[in-house]
Amino acid sequence: MSDQVNKFLGDSLGRTLVKLLVVSLIVGFVMTIFGWTPYEIVYGIRDFIREIWYRGFSALGRVGDYLLLGATIVIPIFIIIRLFNYRR
């Protein structure tokens, strides 16, 4: 059972909890700096979906902007992670 949990978590339970605590602390700090709250994020997603519904597909242009903006961060990080994992 323990091996299955470790395989699912990618590491031991204790190390995974420590990693999650550190990442949560960093994300919470960054969110505080920018003045973001979880409610604002949820309401922003909700408002975005409503905007798409009310305006129709013309609002999908924003999705493309969001996609390009996110891809400029996500794709290089993905490539770096894959390169580091490839060496193992």
C-alpha atoms as a PDB file:
ATOM      1  CA  MET A   1       0.000   0.000   0.000  1.00  0.00           C
ATOM      2  CA  SER A   2       2.821   2.381   0.880  1.00  0.00           C
ATOM      3  CA  ASP A   3       4.500   1.826  -2.485  1.00  0.00           C
ATOM      4  CA  GLN A   4       1.282   2.714  -4.275  1.00  0.00           C
ATOM      5  CA  VAL A   5       0.934   5.944  -2.276  1.00  0.00           C
ATOM      6  CA  ASN A   6       4.561   6.854  -2.935  1.00  0.00           C
ATOM      7  CA  LYS A   7       4.123   6.117  -6.634  1.00  0.00           C
ATOM      8  CA  PHE A   8       0.974   8.249  -6.773  1.00  0.00           C
ATOM      9  CA  LEU A   9       2.559  11.163  -4.887  1.00  0.00           C
ATOM     10  CA  GLY A  10       5.897  10.860  -6.674  1.00  0.00           C
ATOM     11  CA  ASP A  11       7.776  10.783  -3.386  1.00  0.00           C
ATOM     12  CA  SER A  12       7.258   9.814   0.238  1.00  0.00           C
ATOM     13  CA  LEU A  13       4.274  11.286   2.055  1.00  0.00           C
ATOM     14  CA  GLY A  14       6.403  13.428   4.354  1.00  0.00           C
ATOM     15  CA  ARG A  15       8.532  14.896   1.582  1.00  0.00           C
ATOM     16  CA  THR A  16       5.443  15.573  -0.521  1.00  0.00           C
ATOM     17  CA  LEU A  17       3.772  17.383   2.384  1.00  0.00           C
ATOM     18  CA  VAL A  18       6.878  19.523   2.933  1.00  0.00           C
ATOM     19  CA  LYS A  19       7.038  20.381  -0.778  1.00  0.00           C
ATOM     20  CA  LEU A  20       3.344  21.294  -0.803  1.00  0.00           C
ATOM     21  CA  LEU A  21       3.786  23.488   2.275  1.00  0.00           C
ATOM     22  CA  VAL A  22       6.735  25.345   0.724  1.00  0.00           C
ATOM     23  CA  VAL A  23       4.958  25.866  -2.605  1.00  0.00           C
ATOM     24  CA  SER A  24       1.776  26.963  -0.795  1.00  0.00           C
ATOM     25  CA  LEU A  25       3.770  29.494   1.198  1.00  0.00           C
ATOM     26  CA  ILE A  26       5.404  30.899  -1.938  1.00  0.00           C
ATOM     27  CA  VAL A  27       2.118  31.062  -3.873  1.00  0.00           C
ATOM     28  CA  GLY A  28       0.376  32.690  -0.904  1.00  0.00           C
ATOM     29  CA  PHE A  29       3.146  35.279  -0.661  1.00  0.00           C
ATOM     30  CA  VAL A  30       2.952  36.087  -4.386  1.00  0.00           C
ATOM     31  CA  MET A  31      -0.840  36.312  -4.248  1.00  0.00           C
ATOM     32  CA  THR A  32      -0.581  38.712  -1.299  1.00  0.00           C
ATOM     33  CA  ILE A  33       1.909  40.894  -3.165  1.00  0.00           C
ATOM     34  CA  PHE A  34      -0.461  41.195  -6.145  1.00  0.00           C
ATOM     35  CA  GLY A  35      -3.545  41.534  -3.931  1.00  0.00           C
ATOM     36  CA  TRP A  36      -5.199  38.426  -5.346  1.00  0.00           C
ATOM     37  CA  THR A  37      -7.639  36.308  -3.386  1.00  0.00           C
ATOM     38  CA  PRO A  38      -9.015  32.876  -4.234  1.00  0.00           C
ATOM     39  CA  TYR A  39     -12.466  34.436  -4.526  1.00  0.00           C
ATOM     40  CA  GLU A  40     -11.237  36.905  -7.146  1.00  0.00           C
ATOM     41  CA  ILE A  41      -9.771  34.057  -9.186  1.00  0.00           C
ATOM     42  CA  VAL A  42     -12.981  32.011  -8.987  1.00  0.00           C
ATOM     43  CA  TYR A  43     -15.153  35.027  -9.768  1.00  0.00           C
ATOM     44  CA  GLY A  44     -12.818  35.995 -12.619  1.00  0.00           C
ATOM     45  CA  ILE A  45     -13.246  32.544 -14.176  1.00  0.00           C
ATOM     46  CA  ARG A  46     -16.998  32.721 -13.627  1.00  0.00           C
ATOM     47  CA  ASP A  47     -17.200  36.190 -15.193  1.00  0.00           C
ATOM     48  CA  PHE A  48     -15.082  35.056 -18.128  1.00  0.00           C
ATOM     49  CA  ILE A  49     -17.445  32.140 -18.812  1.00  0.00           C
ATOM     50  CA  ARG A  50     -20.446  34.467 -18.515  1.00  0.00           C
ATOM     51  CA  GLU A  51     -18.794  36.903 -20.900  1.00  0.00           C
ATOM     52  CA  ILE A  52     -18.303  34.141 -23.459  1.00  0.00           C
ATOM     53  CA  TRP A  53     -21.922  33.091 -23.031  1.00  0.00           C
ATOM     54  CA  TYR A  54     -23.339  36.612 -23.354  1.00  0.00           C
ATOM     55  CA  ARG A  55     -21.086  37.917 -26.089  1.00  0.00           C
ATOM     56  CA  GLY A  56     -20.834  34.752 -28.070  1.00  0.00           C
ATOM     57  CA  PHE A  57     -17.704  33.665 -29.810  1.00  0.00           C
ATOM     58  CA  SER A  58     -16.275  37.163 -30.177  1.00  0.00           C
ATOM     59  CA  ALA A  59     -15.084  36.826 -26.593  1.00  0.00           C
ATOM     60  CA  LEU A  60     -12.979  33.825 -27.608  1.00  0.00           C
ATOM     61  CA  GLY A  61     -10.375  36.265 -28.896  1.00  0.00           C
ATOM     62  CA  ARG A  62      -9.402  36.784 -25.260  1.00  0.00           C
ATOM     63  CA  VAL A  63      -8.824  33.042 -24.938  1.00  0.00           C
ATOM     64  CA  GLY A  64      -6.198  33.270 -27.655  1.00  0.00           C
ATOM     65  CA  ASP A  65      -4.516  36.121 -25.793  1.00  0.00           C
ATOM     66  CA  TYR A  66      -4.596  34.131 -22.575  1.00  0.00           C
ATOM     67  CA  LEU A  67      -3.287  31.071 -24.389  1.00  0.00           C
ATOM     68  CA  LEU A  68      -0.314  32.929 -25.865  1.00  0.00           C
ATOM     69  CA  LEU A  69       0.457  34.677 -22.595  1.00  0.00           C
ATOM     70  CA  GLY A  70       0.357  31.429 -20.640  1.00  0.00           C
ATOM     71  CA  ALA A  71       2.297  29.519 -23.278  1.00  0.00           C
ATOM     72  CA  THR A  72       5.199  31.971 -23.043  1.00  0.00           C
ATOM     73  CA  ILE A  73       5.684  30.783 -19.465  1.00  0.00           C
ATOM     74  CA  VAL A  74       4.462  27.183 -19.517  1.00  0.00           C
ATOM     75  CA  ILE A  75       6.193  25.844 -22.625  1.00  0.00           C
ATOM     76  CA  PRO A  76       9.760  26.902 -21.686  1.00  0.00           C
ATOM     77  CA  ILE A  77       9.258  25.508 -18.155  1.00  0.00           C
ATOM     78  CA  PHE A  78       7.912  22.267 -19.643  1.00  0.00           C
ATOM     79  CA  ILE A  79      10.911  21.957 -21.964  1.00  0.00           C
ATOM     80  CA  ILE A  80      13.369  22.609 -19.124  1.00  0.00           C
ATOM     81  CA  ILE A  81      11.669  20.013 -16.906  1.00  0.00           C
ATOM     82  CA  ARG A  82      11.672  17.459 -19.715  1.00  0.00           C
ATOM     83  CA  LEU A  83      15.370  18.102 -20.402  1.00  0.00           C
ATOM     84  CA  PHE A  84      16.257  17.583 -16.751  1.00  0.00           C
ATOM     85  CA  ASN A  85      14.180  14.389 -16.602  1.00  0.00           C
ATOM     86  CA  TYR A  86      15.681  13.114 -19.864  1.00  0.00           C
ATOM     87  CA  ARG A  87      19.131  12.945 -18.307  1.00  0.00           C
ATOM     88  CA  ARG A  88      17.959  10.544 -15.594  1.00  0.00           C
END
